[in-house]
Amino acid sequence: MSDLKWNKNFALEQAADDEELLQELIEIFKESSASDFANLTQSIAKGDAEMGRGSAHSIKGAAASLGFDGIREVTDAMEADCREGSLTVTTEQLPKLDKLLALLREM
């Protein structure tokens, strides 16, 4: 779980200290990140860096707003890679992101 680098205090602050709301937001993120991860995987298969950039950006934004710094860091590197028209870092980091999202689903 420490790989997620979750800043729960920050996340609670974003949810107005409402634990129930925070849990709902995390559940929404679990669902949306699964879809975005599938799109990210597809972008690598297609060689579509722009699609990869959008998917990485989506995961990064949600992770940042919920204090999941481990996910944010990985997807930030992926987004930067894709922005340059490359998928090299994105391809290398995909297994790490997969592991982090699996940890998230276990929460």
C-alpha atoms as a PDB file:
ATOM      1  CA  MET A   1       0.000   0.000   0.000  1.00  0.00           C
ATOM      2  CA  SER A   2       2.930   2.332   0.621  1.00  0.00           C
ATOM      3  CA  ASP A   3       3.680   2.296  -3.127  1.00  0.00           C
ATOM      4  CA  LEU A   4       0.480   4.282  -3.603  1.00  0.00           C
ATOM      5  CA  LYS A   5       1.995   7.068  -1.461  1.00  0.00           C
ATOM      6  CA  TRP A   6      -1.530   7.962  -0.389  1.00  0.00           C
ATOM      7  CA  ASN A   7      -1.882  11.260   1.408  1.00  0.00           C
ATOM      8  CA  LYS A   8      -5.160  10.446   3.139  1.00  0.00           C
ATOM      9  CA  ASN A   9      -5.223  13.738   5.041  1.00  0.00           C
ATOM     10  CA  PHE A  10      -5.070  15.654   1.760  1.00  0.00           C
ATOM     11  CA  ALA A  11      -7.774  13.439   0.263  1.00  0.00           C
ATOM     12  CA  LEU A  12     -10.035  13.955   3.268  1.00  0.00           C
ATOM     13  CA  GLU A  13      -9.485  17.694   3.035  1.00  0.00           C
ATOM     14  CA  GLN A  14     -10.576  17.565  -0.632  1.00  0.00           C
ATOM     15  CA  ALA A  15     -13.723  15.700   0.465  1.00  0.00           C
ATOM     16  CA  ALA A  16     -14.532  18.290   3.163  1.00  0.00           C
ATOM     17  CA  ASP A  17     -13.539  15.768   5.875  1.00  0.00           C
ATOM     18  CA  ASP A  18     -16.418  13.523   4.809  1.00  0.00           C
ATOM     19  CA  GLU A  19     -15.186   9.891   4.956  1.00  0.00           C
ATOM     20  CA  GLU A  20     -18.262   8.596   3.124  1.00  0.00           C
ATOM     21  CA  LEU A  21     -17.817  11.078   0.281  1.00  0.00           C
ATOM     22  CA  LEU A  22     -14.130  10.204   0.063  1.00  0.00           C
ATOM     23  CA  GLN A  23     -14.962   6.513  -0.266  1.00  0.00           C
ATOM     24  CA  GLU A  24     -17.467   7.305  -3.028  1.00  0.00           C
ATOM     25  CA  LEU A  25     -14.837   9.355  -4.873  1.00  0.00           C
ATOM     26  CA  ILE A  26     -12.321   6.522  -4.573  1.00  0.00           C
ATOM     27  CA  GLU A  27     -14.877   4.067  -5.986  1.00  0.00           C
ATOM     28  CA  ILE A  28     -15.485   6.385  -8.941  1.00  0.00           C
ATOM     29  CA  PHE A  29     -11.726   6.642  -9.480  1.00  0.00           C
ATOM     30  CA  LYS A  30     -11.386   2.846  -9.418  1.00  0.00           C
ATOM     31  CA  GLU A  31     -13.943   2.586 -12.224  1.00  0.00           C
ATOM     32  CA  SER A  32     -12.640   5.453 -14.338  1.00  0.00           C
ATOM     33  CA  SER A  33      -9.003   4.412 -13.960  1.00  0.00           C
ATOM     34  CA  ALA A  34      -9.833   0.898 -15.202  1.00  0.00           C
ATOM     35  CA  SER A  35     -11.287   2.373 -18.383  1.00  0.00           C
ATOM     36  CA  ASP A  36      -8.413   4.828 -18.780  1.00  0.00           C
ATOM     37  CA  PHE A  37      -5.878   2.036 -18.210  1.00  0.00           C
ATOM     38  CA  ALA A  38      -7.523  -0.027 -20.957  1.00  0.00           C
ATOM     39  CA  ASN A  39      -7.307   2.996 -23.280  1.00  0.00           C
ATOM     40  CA  LEU A  40      -3.670   3.513 -22.316  1.00  0.00           C
ATOM     41  CA  THR A  41      -2.890  -0.116 -23.142  1.00  0.00           C
ATOM     42  CA  GLN A  42      -4.725   0.253 -26.441  1.00  0.00           C
ATOM     43  CA  SER A  43      -2.816   3.438 -27.263  1.00  0.00           C
ATOM     44  CA  ILE A  44       0.469   1.542 -26.886  1.00  0.00           C
ATOM     45  CA  ALA A  45      -0.775  -1.257 -29.142  1.00  0.00           C
ATOM     46  CA  LYS A  46      -1.862   1.295 -31.762  1.00  0.00           C
ATOM     47  CA  GLY A  47       1.217   3.496 -31.384  1.00  0.00           C
ATOM     48  CA  ASP A  48      -1.100   6.423 -30.614  1.00  0.00           C
ATOM     49  CA  ALA A  49       0.768   8.790 -28.297  1.00  0.00           C
ATOM     50  CA  GLU A  50      -2.039  11.373 -28.292  1.00  0.00           C
ATOM     51  CA  MET A  51      -4.534   8.803 -27.050  1.00  0.00           C
ATOM     52  CA  GLY A  52      -1.992   7.740 -24.439  1.00  0.00           C
ATOM     53  CA  ARG A  53      -1.491  11.316 -23.339  1.00  0.00           C
ATOM     54  CA  GLY A  54      -5.205  11.806 -22.762  1.00  0.00           C
ATOM     55  CA  SER A  55      -5.569   8.594 -20.786  1.00  0.00           C
ATOM     56  CA  ALA A  56      -2.497   9.261 -18.657  1.00  0.00           C
ATOM     57  CA  HIS A  57      -3.701  12.814 -18.016  1.00  0.00           C
ATOM     58  CA  SER A  58      -7.106  11.584 -16.890  1.00  0.00           C
ATOM     59  CA  ILE A  59      -5.641   9.104 -14.398  1.00  0.00           C
ATOM     60  CA  LYS A  60      -3.084  11.662 -13.212  1.00  0.00           C
ATOM     61  CA  GLY A  61      -5.692  14.321 -12.484  1.00  0.00           C
ATOM     62  CA  ALA A  62      -7.953  12.025 -10.514  1.00  0.00           C
ATOM     63  CA  ALA A  63      -5.020  10.537  -8.594  1.00  0.00           C
ATOM     64  CA  ALA A  64      -3.709  14.000  -7.741  1.00  0.00           C
ATOM     65  CA  SER A  65      -7.082  15.183  -6.461  1.00  0.00           C
ATOM     66  CA  LEU A  66      -7.347  12.124  -4.187  1.00  0.00           C
ATOM     67  CA  GLY A  67      -3.772  12.255  -2.902  1.00  0.00           C
ATOM     68  CA  PHE A  68      -2.502   9.089  -4.635  1.00  0.00           C
ATOM     69  CA  ASP A  69       0.969  10.469  -5.274  1.00  0.00           C
ATOM     70  CA  GLY A  70       2.454   7.160  -6.465  1.00  0.00           C
ATOM     71  CA  ILE A  71      -0.093   6.930  -9.287  1.00  0.00           C
ATOM     72  CA  ARG A  72       0.248  10.640 -10.044  1.00  0.00           C
ATOM     73  CA  GLU A  73       4.033  10.376 -10.389  1.00  0.00           C
ATOM     74  CA  VAL A  74       3.886   7.434 -12.812  1.00  0.00           C
ATOM     75  CA  THR A  75       1.156   8.941 -14.974  1.00  0.00           C
ATOM     76  CA  ASP A  76       2.890  12.324 -15.003  1.00  0.00           C
ATOM     77  CA  ALA A  77       5.942  10.644 -16.566  1.00  0.00           C
ATOM     78  CA  MET A  78       3.688   8.822 -19.031  1.00  0.00           C
ATOM     79  CA  GLU A  79       1.878  12.005 -20.013  1.00  0.00           C
ATOM     80  CA  ALA A  80       5.155  13.849 -20.588  1.00  0.00           C
ATOM     81  CA  ASP A  81       6.430  10.954 -22.697  1.00  0.00           C
ATOM     82  CA  CYS A  82       3.296  10.921 -24.839  1.00  0.00           C
ATOM     83  CA  ARG A  83       3.320  14.695 -25.198  1.00  0.00           C
ATOM     84  CA  GLU A  84       6.702  14.305 -26.903  1.00  0.00           C
ATOM     85  CA  GLY A  85       5.177  11.806 -29.318  1.00  0.00           C
ATOM     86  CA  SER A  86       6.858   8.839 -27.662  1.00  0.00           C
ATOM     87  CA  LEU A  87       5.455   5.768 -25.969  1.00  0.00           C
ATOM     88  CA  THR A  88       8.763   4.432 -24.635  1.00  0.00           C
ATOM     89  CA  VAL A  89       8.396   5.540 -21.001  1.00  0.00           C
ATOM     90  CA  THR A  90       4.684   4.809 -21.122  1.00  0.00           C
ATOM     91  CA  THR A  91       5.334   1.228 -22.228  1.00  0.00           C
ATOM     92  CA  GLU A  92       8.037   0.787 -19.571  1.00  0.00           C
ATOM     93  CA  GLN A  93       5.839   2.220 -16.798  1.00  0.00           C
ATOM     94  CA  LEU A  94       2.622   0.382 -17.730  1.00  0.00           C
ATOM     95  CA  PRO A  95       3.332  -2.660 -15.480  1.00  0.00           C
ATOM     96  CA  LYS A  96       4.051  -0.344 -12.535  1.00  0.00           C
ATOM     97  CA  LEU A  97       0.807   1.540 -13.113  1.00  0.00           C
ATOM     98  CA  ASP A  98      -1.042  -1.769 -13.360  1.00  0.00           C
ATOM     99  CA  LYS A  99       0.385  -2.785  -9.966  1.00  0.00           C
ATOM    100  CA  LEU A 100      -0.557   0.531  -8.391  1.00  0.00           C
ATOM    101  CA  LEU A 101      -4.102   0.365  -9.727  1.00  0.00           C
ATOM    102  CA  ALA A 102      -4.382  -3.198  -8.380  1.00  0.00           C
ATOM    103  CA  LEU A 103      -3.394  -1.859  -4.949  1.00  0.00           C
ATOM    104  CA  LEU A 104      -6.029   0.838  -5.313  1.00  0.00           C
ATOM    105  CA  ARG A 105      -8.715  -1.759  -6.148  1.00  0.00           C
ATOM    106  CA  GLU A 106      -7.808  -3.626  -2.939  1.00  0.00           C
ATOM    107  CA  MET A 107      -8.676  -0.601  -0.810  1.00  0.00           C
END
